[in-house]
C-alpha cells in the first residue's frame, strides 16, 4: 500500500499530544510504514520497527503497550493492529473490500478476524458489506477432533456430552488457541476442571494447530462429518450454504507432507499414489521446485495452489531468495513456537530478505552479511 492519506489534525488530537516524543514517532510510523496494509492489521517484527525508526528494540514492547487502545500488539504472531486505520483511510467500498481481503490472505486468527469485523461494523454496514458467517471455535475444535473425547477417546454422540476444554486451564495461564483446546466428554471435563491433565490423572491430549478454513474444507468434502456437525449444532441448518460458501477462499487445505507440482492448471489432481497434488501457474526452476518441496513440510504451512505464484513473486522481488536462504531463515526460527498459519512464514521470509538487503546496502556494501550480523538485527 504505497499511498495513504494523513490527516493534519492528527497532531492536535489529545491522545497524540499526550504521547512522549518516541510515542509520537512510533504511532506515526505504524500508520505510514510500507508493511501497513489497507486493514491496518499486519505482520511486522520488533527488529524491523527498531531498524526503521531508530528506537531501541528493548523499549518497544512497553512503547507499543502505551499506544492502547489505539494500537493492539500481538507479540506471539508479530501482529500490529492500528485500530482506526481503516476508518481513517476508507474512501470507497473497493478500499474496504481490499482491507477484508488482507485479513483473508494473512489468515489472522478467527477471534481476531471477528473482532476486526465487529470493531468496523458500522463502516462495513455503510458500505453494504456483511461480515461472513463462519464457524465458531467450539465447532472447529470438535470437527478437528473427529467428535471424540481427547482424554478417554470415546465417541461424542450428542452436544450435551461435549465440552470444549482448555488443556492448560486459563486460570493457570493457558491460552485460548487451538494448541490448548481439546474436545472433551462431560465426565472428563468435570474430573479435570481447573487442573492440568496430569493433576487430574488424565493423559495430555495430542492436538494440532488448526484454522476455520480447514474445518470448512472438511465439512464441504465429508458428508458424514457434515451430518454429525448439524446434529450437534442444529441451529446451523439454515446457514449451511452461506457457511460452506466461505470455502471459495480456501479450496485446498492439504497436509504438510503433500507434494506440490507446477503446471498451467490451478485445479487439484490425484497422483498415482492417490495423494492430492496442487497445481500452480508457471514453470518452476529446479531450485524453485526444491524450495516448494521444503516449504510445504513446514509446520503451520497449508499447501495450496497459490504457493507457486507466491514463490515466483517473492523471487522476482528478491532474486537472492535461494534454498540456502530458506534454510537459514527456518534455522533461525527453529527455537520458536511453530506459526499458526503460513502467512506468518511468508512474512518471515520476506522480512529476512529485506533485512539482508538492508545490511548489504547500509552496513557492508558489496558484501553479504554474516549469520551473526543478521541475527543481531532480529529480535
Protein backbone atom coordinates (compact mmCIF):
# COMPACT_ATOMS: atom_id res chain seq x y z
CA UNK A 1 0.00 0.00 0.00
CA UNK A 2 2.31 2.80 -1.21
CA UNK A 3 -0.10 5.72 -0.76
CA UNK A 4 -2.38 6.75 2.09
CA UNK A 5 -4.00 9.89 3.45
CA UNK A 6 -2.66 11.57 6.57
CA UNK A 7 -4.99 13.95 8.42
CA UNK A 8 -3.12 17.04 9.60
CA UNK A 9 -5.47 17.19 12.61
CA UNK A 10 -3.62 14.11 13.83
CA UNK A 11 -1.22 16.36 15.77
CA UNK A 12 -3.99 18.22 17.58
CA UNK A 13 -5.70 15.11 18.92
CA UNK A 14 -5.41 14.82 22.73
CA UNK A 15 -4.19 11.22 22.53
CA UNK A 16 -1.28 12.23 20.29
CA UNK A 17 -0.48 15.38 22.24
CA UNK A 18 -0.15 13.36 25.45
CA UNK A 19 2.34 10.95 23.91
CA UNK A 20 6.07 11.39 24.56
CA UNK A 21 8.38 12.12 21.63
CA UNK A 22 9.15 8.45 20.93
CA UNK A 23 5.47 7.57 21.25
CA UNK A 24 4.54 10.13 18.59
CA UNK A 25 7.22 8.74 16.28
CA UNK A 26 6.10 5.14 16.82
CA UNK A 27 2.39 5.89 16.35
CA UNK A 28 3.08 7.81 13.14
CA UNK A 29 5.36 5.05 11.87
CA UNK A 30 2.75 2.35 12.44
CA UNK A 31 0.31 4.26 10.23
CA UNK A 32 2.79 5.05 7.45
CA UNK A 33 5.32 2.22 7.09
CA UNK A 34 5.45 0.06 3.96
CA UNK A 35 4.23 -3.08 5.77
CA UNK A 36 0.92 -1.47 6.72
CA UNK A 37 -1.92 -2.82 4.56
CA UNK A 38 -5.43 -1.50 3.89
CA UNK A 39 -6.75 -3.11 7.06
CA UNK A 40 -4.10 -1.58 9.31
CA UNK A 41 -3.64 -5.11 10.66
CA UNK A 42 -0.33 -6.55 9.55
CA UNK A 43 2.79 -8.52 10.43
CA UNK A 44 5.91 -6.62 11.45
CA UNK A 45 8.78 -7.57 13.74
CA UNK A 46 10.25 -5.51 16.54
CA UNK A 47 13.58 -5.68 14.74
CA UNK A 48 12.09 -4.06 11.65
CA UNK A 49 10.44 -1.32 13.70
CA UNK A 50 13.69 -0.66 15.55
CA UNK A 51 15.72 -0.59 12.34
CA UNK A 52 13.36 1.83 10.59
CA UNK A 53 12.72 4.21 13.48
CA UNK A 54 15.97 4.08 15.43
CA UNK A 55 14.03 3.25 18.58
CA UNK A 56 15.59 0.72 20.95
CA UNK A 57 14.12 -2.76 20.39
CA UNK A 58 14.16 -3.42 24.14
CA UNK A 59 11.87 -0.43 24.73
CA UNK A 60 9.36 -1.26 22.01
CA UNK A 61 7.11 -3.67 24.00
CA UNK A 62 6.35 -1.01 26.61
CA UNK A 63 6.03 1.69 23.96
CA UNK A 64 3.56 -0.41 21.95
CA UNK A 65 1.56 -1.08 25.11
CA UNK A 66 1.40 2.68 25.76
CA UNK A 67 -0.46 3.13 22.44
CA UNK A 68 -3.50 1.18 23.63
CA UNK A 69 -6.38 1.38 22.86
CA UNK A 70 -5.44 2.95 19.51
CA UNK A 71 -2.98 0.16 18.69
CA UNK A 72 -3.06 -3.51 19.65
CA UNK A 73 0.11 -5.60 19.54
CA UNK A 74 0.10 -9.41 19.38
CA UNK A 75 3.71 -10.41 20.14
CA UNK A 76 3.23 -14.14 19.53
CA UNK A 77 2.34 -13.52 15.91
CA UNK A 78 4.27 -10.25 15.36
CA UNK A 79 0.95 -8.63 14.52
CA UNK A 80 0.10 -4.95 14.90
CA UNK A 81 -3.42 -3.57 14.55
CA UNK A 82 -3.83 0.19 14.14
CA UNK A 83 -7.49 0.11 15.03
CA UNK A 84 -8.73 3.34 13.44
CA UNK A 85 -6.69 2.94 10.26
CA UNK A 86 -9.49 1.53 8.08
CA UNK A 87 -11.98 4.15 9.25
CA UNK A 88 -9.49 6.92 8.50
CA UNK A 89 -8.47 5.62 5.08
CA UNK A 90 -11.63 4.08 3.63
CA UNK A 91 -12.92 6.28 0.80
CA UNK A 92 -14.83 3.67 -1.18
CA UNK A 93 -16.31 0.16 -0.91
CA UNK A 94 -13.40 -1.08 -3.03
CA UNK A 95 -10.91 0.01 -0.37
CA UNK A 96 -12.94 -1.74 2.33
CA UNK A 97 -13.12 -4.90 0.23
CA UNK A 98 -9.33 -4.76 -0.19
CA UNK A 99 -8.94 -4.47 3.59
CA UNK A 100 -11.10 -7.55 4.14
CA UNK A 101 -9.04 -9.39 1.51
CA UNK A 102 -5.90 -8.61 3.55
CA UNK A 103 -7.48 -10.32 6.56
CA UNK A 104 -8.18 -13.43 4.47
CA UNK A 105 -4.76 -13.52 2.81
CA UNK A 106 -2.88 -13.18 6.10
CA UNK A 107 -5.21 -15.74 7.71
CA UNK A 108 -5.38 -14.00 11.07
CA UNK A 109 -6.98 -15.98 13.88
CA UNK A 110 -10.72 -16.50 13.82
CA UNK A 111 -11.10 -14.47 17.03
CA UNK A 112 -9.12 -11.51 15.72
CA UNK A 113 -10.95 -11.56 12.40
CA UNK A 114 -14.27 -11.47 14.26
CA UNK A 115 -13.04 -8.62 16.47
CA UNK A 116 -11.91 -6.70 13.38
CA UNK A 117 -15.35 -7.08 11.78
CA UNK A 118 -17.12 -6.05 14.98
CA UNK A 119 -14.90 -3.01 15.51
CA UNK A 120 -15.58 -1.84 11.95
CA UNK A 121 -19.20 -2.99 11.88
CA UNK A 122 -20.70 0.43 11.24
CA UNK A 123 -18.29 1.13 8.40
CA UNK A 124 -18.94 -2.27 6.82
CA UNK A 125 -22.69 -1.77 7.03
CA UNK A 126 -22.46 1.67 5.42
CA UNK A 127 -20.62 0.05 2.51
CA UNK A 128 -23.23 -2.71 2.39
CA UNK A 129 -20.63 -5.34 3.25
CA UNK A 130 -21.83 -8.06 5.59
CA UNK A 131 -19.35 -9.94 7.78
CA UNK A 132 -19.01 -13.53 6.60
CA UNK A 133 -20.86 -16.21 8.53
CA UNK A 134 -18.19 -18.51 9.88
CA UNK A 135 -17.69 -21.40 12.26
CA UNK A 136 -17.15 -20.84 15.96
CA UNK A 137 -14.05 -22.13 17.68
CA UNK A 138 -16.23 -24.62 19.56
CA UNK A 139 -17.36 -26.07 16.22
CA UNK A 140 -13.86 -26.14 14.78
CA UNK A 141 -12.41 -28.00 17.77
CA UNK A 142 -14.88 -30.86 17.62
CA UNK A 143 -14.50 -31.13 13.85
CA UNK A 144 -10.72 -31.28 14.19
CA UNK A 145 -11.00 -33.89 16.98
CA UNK A 146 -13.43 -36.03 14.94
CA UNK A 147 -16.19 -35.92 17.54
CA UNK A 148 -14.13 -37.90 20.06
CA UNK A 149 -13.08 -37.05 23.61
CA UNK A 150 -9.33 -36.44 23.53
CA UNK A 151 -8.89 -37.75 27.08
CA UNK A 152 -10.81 -41.05 27.15
CA UNK A 153 -11.18 -41.34 23.35
CA UNK A 154 -14.85 -42.28 23.45
CA UNK A 155 -17.13 -41.06 20.68
CA UNK A 156 -19.17 -37.97 21.49
CA UNK A 157 -22.73 -38.74 20.45
CA UNK A 158 -24.58 -35.58 21.42
CA UNK A 159 -23.98 -31.90 22.04
CA UNK A 160 -24.98 -32.42 25.69
CA UNK A 161 -21.89 -34.59 26.21
CA UNK A 162 -19.45 -32.19 24.51
CA UNK A 163 -17.26 -29.69 26.34
CA UNK A 164 -14.51 -27.61 24.75
CA UNK A 165 -11.67 -27.94 27.26
CA UNK A 166 -8.63 -25.75 27.87
CA UNK A 167 -5.81 -28.28 28.30
CA UNK A 168 -3.84 -25.84 30.44
CA UNK A 169 -6.59 -24.01 32.35
CA UNK A 170 -6.95 -20.31 31.65
CA UNK A 171 -6.60 -19.67 35.38
CA UNK A 172 -3.10 -21.18 35.11
CA UNK A 173 -2.16 -19.05 32.11
CA UNK A 174 -3.46 -21.36 29.39
CA UNK A 175 -4.20 -19.67 26.09
CA UNK A 176 -7.36 -19.65 24.06
CA UNK A 177 -5.85 -21.13 20.91
CA UNK A 178 -6.18 -24.45 19.12
CA UNK A 179 -2.98 -25.85 20.59
CA UNK A 180 -4.55 -25.50 24.04
CA UNK A 181 -8.08 -26.65 23.18
CA UNK A 182 -9.46 -30.17 23.01
CA UNK A 183 -12.83 -31.83 22.65
CA UNK A 184 -13.80 -33.48 25.93
CA UNK A 185 -16.70 -35.52 27.18
CA UNK A 186 -18.59 -34.12 30.16
CA UNK A 187 -17.20 -36.74 32.57
CA UNK A 188 -13.55 -36.00 31.73
CA UNK A 189 -14.19 -32.28 31.78
CA UNK A 190 -15.75 -32.46 35.24
CA UNK A 191 -12.90 -34.64 36.52
CA UNK A 192 -10.35 -32.17 35.22
CA UNK A 193 -11.98 -28.78 35.98
CA UNK A 194 -9.17 -26.28 36.66
CA UNK A 195 -6.39 -28.86 36.86
CA UNK A 196 -3.69 -29.78 34.39
CA UNK A 197 -4.31 -33.19 32.77
CA UNK A 198 -1.57 -34.82 34.86
CA UNK A 199 -3.04 -33.44 38.07
CA UNK A 200 -6.41 -34.93 37.12
CA UNK A 201 -4.87 -38.30 36.27
CA UNK A 202 -5.55 -37.87 32.56
CA UNK A 203 -3.15 -38.33 29.67
CA UNK A 204 -2.39 -35.00 27.94
CA UNK A 205 -4.20 -34.94 24.59
CA UNK A 206 -2.24 -34.66 21.36
CA UNK A 207 -3.77 -31.76 19.47
CA UNK A 208 -2.67 -29.85 16.40
CA UNK A 209 -2.87 -26.27 15.14
CA UNK A 210 -6.00 -25.62 13.14
CA UNK A 211 -7.90 -22.95 11.25
CA UNK A 212 -11.57 -22.44 10.43
CA UNK A 213 -10.77 -22.84 6.73
CA UNK A 214 -9.66 -26.43 7.43
CA UNK A 215 -12.93 -27.15 9.20
CA UNK A 216 -14.84 -25.69 6.24
CA UNK A 217 -12.90 -27.87 3.83
CA UNK A 218 -13.73 -30.97 5.90
CA UNK A 219 -17.43 -30.10 6.10
CA UNK A 220 -17.69 -29.49 2.37
CA UNK A 221 -15.96 -32.72 1.41
CA UNK A 222 -17.11 -35.16 4.10
CA UNK A 223 -20.92 -35.66 4.16
CA UNK A 224 -20.78 -37.85 7.30
CA UNK A 225 -18.91 -35.20 9.29
CA UNK A 226 -21.27 -32.53 7.96
CA UNK A 227 -24.28 -34.58 9.06
CA UNK A 228 -22.84 -35.08 12.54
CA UNK A 229 -21.95 -31.39 12.79
CA UNK A 230 -25.57 -30.47 12.05
CA UNK A 231 -26.78 -32.93 14.68
CA UNK A 232 -24.60 -31.15 17.27
CA UNK A 233 -25.43 -27.65 16.01
CA UNK A 234 -28.96 -27.88 14.50
CA UNK A 235 -29.29 -24.08 14.54
CA UNK A 236 -26.82 -24.07 11.63
CA UNK A 237 -29.32 -25.84 9.38
CA UNK A 238 -30.47 -22.63 7.72
CA UNK A 239 -26.93 -21.31 7.25
CA UNK A 240 -25.17 -24.33 5.73
CA UNK A 241 -24.81 -22.91 2.24
CA UNK A 242 -23.68 -19.48 3.47
CA UNK A 243 -21.07 -21.05 5.72
CA UNK A 244 -19.76 -23.52 3.17
CA UNK A 245 -19.50 -20.78 0.55
CA UNK A 246 -16.61 -19.42 2.60
CA UNK A 247 -14.58 -22.35 1.28
CA UNK A 248 -14.21 -20.47 -2.01
CA UNK A 249 -11.22 -18.70 -0.46
CA UNK A 250 -9.71 -21.94 0.83
CA UNK A 251 -10.15 -24.59 -1.87
CA UNK A 252 -7.09 -26.61 -0.94
CA UNK A 253 -6.22 -27.19 2.68
CA UNK A 254 -3.77 -30.08 2.46
CA UNK A 255 -1.46 -31.92 4.83
CA UNK A 256 2.06 -30.69 5.47
CA UNK A 257 3.54 -33.63 3.58
CA UNK A 258 1.53 -33.04 0.39
CA UNK A 259 3.86 -32.75 -2.64
CA UNK A 260 3.46 -29.78 -4.91
CA UNK A 261 3.94 -29.60 -8.66
CA UNK A 262 3.60 -26.78 -11.14
CA UNK A 263 1.53 -26.68 -14.32
CA UNK A 264 -0.73 -24.33 -16.19
CA UNK A 265 -3.77 -25.71 -14.36
CA UNK A 266 -4.87 -24.40 -10.99
CA UNK A 267 -7.04 -27.36 -10.04
CA UNK A 268 -6.44 -30.31 -7.77
CA UNK A 269 -5.46 -33.64 -9.22
CA UNK A 270 -4.60 -37.10 -7.95
CA UNK A 271 -1.11 -38.53 -8.14
CA UNK A 272 -0.50 -42.21 -8.86
CA UNK A 273 -0.35 -42.89 -5.14
CA UNK A 274 -3.68 -41.18 -4.52
CA UNK A 275 -2.14 -38.14 -2.84
CA UNK A 276 -3.60 -34.76 -3.73
CA UNK A 277 -1.22 -32.55 -5.68
CA UNK A 278 -1.74 -28.82 -6.03
CA UNK A 279 -1.05 -27.43 -9.47
CA UNK A 280 0.04 -23.82 -9.74
CA UNK A 281 0.82 -21.47 -12.60
CA UNK A 282 4.04 -21.04 -14.50
CA UNK A 283 7.20 -23.09 -14.97
CA UNK A 284 9.41 -23.74 -11.97
CA UNK A 285 13.18 -23.91 -11.99
CA UNK A 286 14.80 -26.90 -10.31
CA UNK A 287 15.68 -24.77 -7.28
CA UNK A 288 12.14 -23.42 -7.02
CA UNK A 289 10.83 -26.98 -7.03
CA UNK A 290 13.17 -27.81 -4.15
CA UNK A 291 12.02 -24.71 -2.25
CA UNK A 292 8.37 -25.64 -2.74
CA UNK A 293 9.01 -29.19 -1.51
CA UNK A 294 10.63 -27.71 1.61
CA UNK A 295 8.02 -25.11 2.48
CA UNK A 296 5.01 -27.42 2.23
CA UNK A 297 6.57 -29.50 5.03
CA UNK A 298 6.94 -26.55 7.40
CA UNK A 299 4.76 -26.69 10.48
CA UNK A 300 1.84 -24.33 10.05
CA UNK A 301 2.13 -24.27 6.25
CA UNK A 302 -1.06 -25.34 4.48
CA UNK A 303 -0.22 -26.04 0.86
CA UNK A 304 -2.48 -24.71 -1.87
CA UNK A 305 -2.42 -23.55 -5.48
CA UNK A 306 -1.22 -20.07 -4.52
CA UNK A 307 2.18 -21.31 -3.30
CA UNK A 308 3.81 -21.30 -6.74
CA UNK A 309 2.82 -17.76 -7.79
CA UNK A 310 3.68 -16.54 -4.28
CA UNK A 311 7.20 -18.02 -4.51
CA UNK A 312 7.75 -16.68 -8.01
CA UNK A 313 6.60 -13.24 -6.87
CA UNK A 314 8.96 -13.31 -3.90
CA UNK A 315 11.91 -14.38 -6.06
CA UNK A 316 11.03 -11.65 -8.55
CA UNK A 317 11.30 -9.10 -5.74
CA UNK A 318 14.27 -10.83 -4.09
CA UNK A 319 16.26 -12.89 -6.65
CA UNK A 320 18.58 -13.85 -3.80
CA UNK A 321 15.88 -15.93 -2.10
CA UNK A 322 17.54 -19.28 -2.65
CA UNK A 323 17.23 -22.66 -0.99
CA UNK A 324 20.16 -21.65 1.24
CA UNK A 325 18.32 -18.51 2.39
CA UNK A 326 15.19 -20.55 3.06
CA UNK A 327 17.16 -22.94 5.26
CA UNK A 328 18.91 -20.09 7.06
CA UNK A 329 15.62 -18.39 7.87
CA UNK A 330 13.98 -21.64 9.03
CA UNK A 331 17.00 -22.49 11.16
CA UNK A 332 16.89 -19.06 12.77
CA UNK A 333 13.28 -19.59 13.88
CA UNK A 334 13.74 -23.26 14.84
CA UNK A 335 13.73 -22.48 18.56
CA UNK A 336 10.40 -20.66 18.46
CA UNK A 337 6.83 -21.89 18.56
CA UNK A 338 5.58 -23.00 15.13
CA UNK A 339 3.45 -20.38 13.32
CA UNK A 340 -0.29 -20.90 13.33
CA UNK A 341 -0.55 -20.32 9.61
CA UNK A 342 1.65 -19.86 6.57
CA UNK A 343 1.03 -16.11 6.37
CA UNK A 344 3.49 -15.74 9.24
CA UNK A 345 6.07 -17.86 7.37
CA UNK A 346 5.64 -15.71 4.26
CA UNK A 347 6.28 -12.56 6.23
CA UNK A 348 9.29 -14.15 7.92
CA UNK A 349 10.85 -14.98 4.55
CA UNK A 350 10.16 -11.53 3.15
CA UNK A 351 11.41 -9.72 6.26
CA UNK A 352 14.52 -11.93 6.25
CA UNK A 353 15.34 -10.82 2.71
CA UNK A 354 14.52 -7.17 3.48
CA UNK A 355 16.87 -7.31 6.45
CA UNK A 356 19.57 -8.93 4.35
CA UNK A 357 19.21 -6.22 1.70
CA UNK A 358 19.41 -3.53 4.38
CA UNK A 359 22.62 -4.98 5.78
CA UNK A 360 24.12 -5.25 2.32
CA UNK A 361 23.26 -1.66 1.47
CA UNK A 362 23.92 0.10 4.76
CA UNK A 363 26.41 -1.90 6.78
CA UNK A 364 28.72 -3.74 4.44
CA UNK A 365 28.26 -2.54 0.85
CA UNK A 366 29.22 -5.16 -1.69
CA UNK A 367 29.44 -7.98 0.86
CA UNK A 368 26.96 -10.48 2.20
CA UNK A 369 26.13 -10.17 5.91
CA UNK A 370 27.29 -12.92 8.21
CA UNK A 371 24.76 -15.06 10.08
CA UNK A 372 25.78 -13.29 13.28
CA UNK A 373 25.11 -9.89 11.73
CA UNK A 374 21.70 -10.98 10.51
CA UNK A 375 20.75 -12.38 13.90
CA UNK A 376 21.85 -9.19 15.67
CA UNK A 377 19.38 -7.30 13.50
CA UNK A 378 16.49 -9.54 14.52
CA UNK A 379 14.72 -9.80 17.82
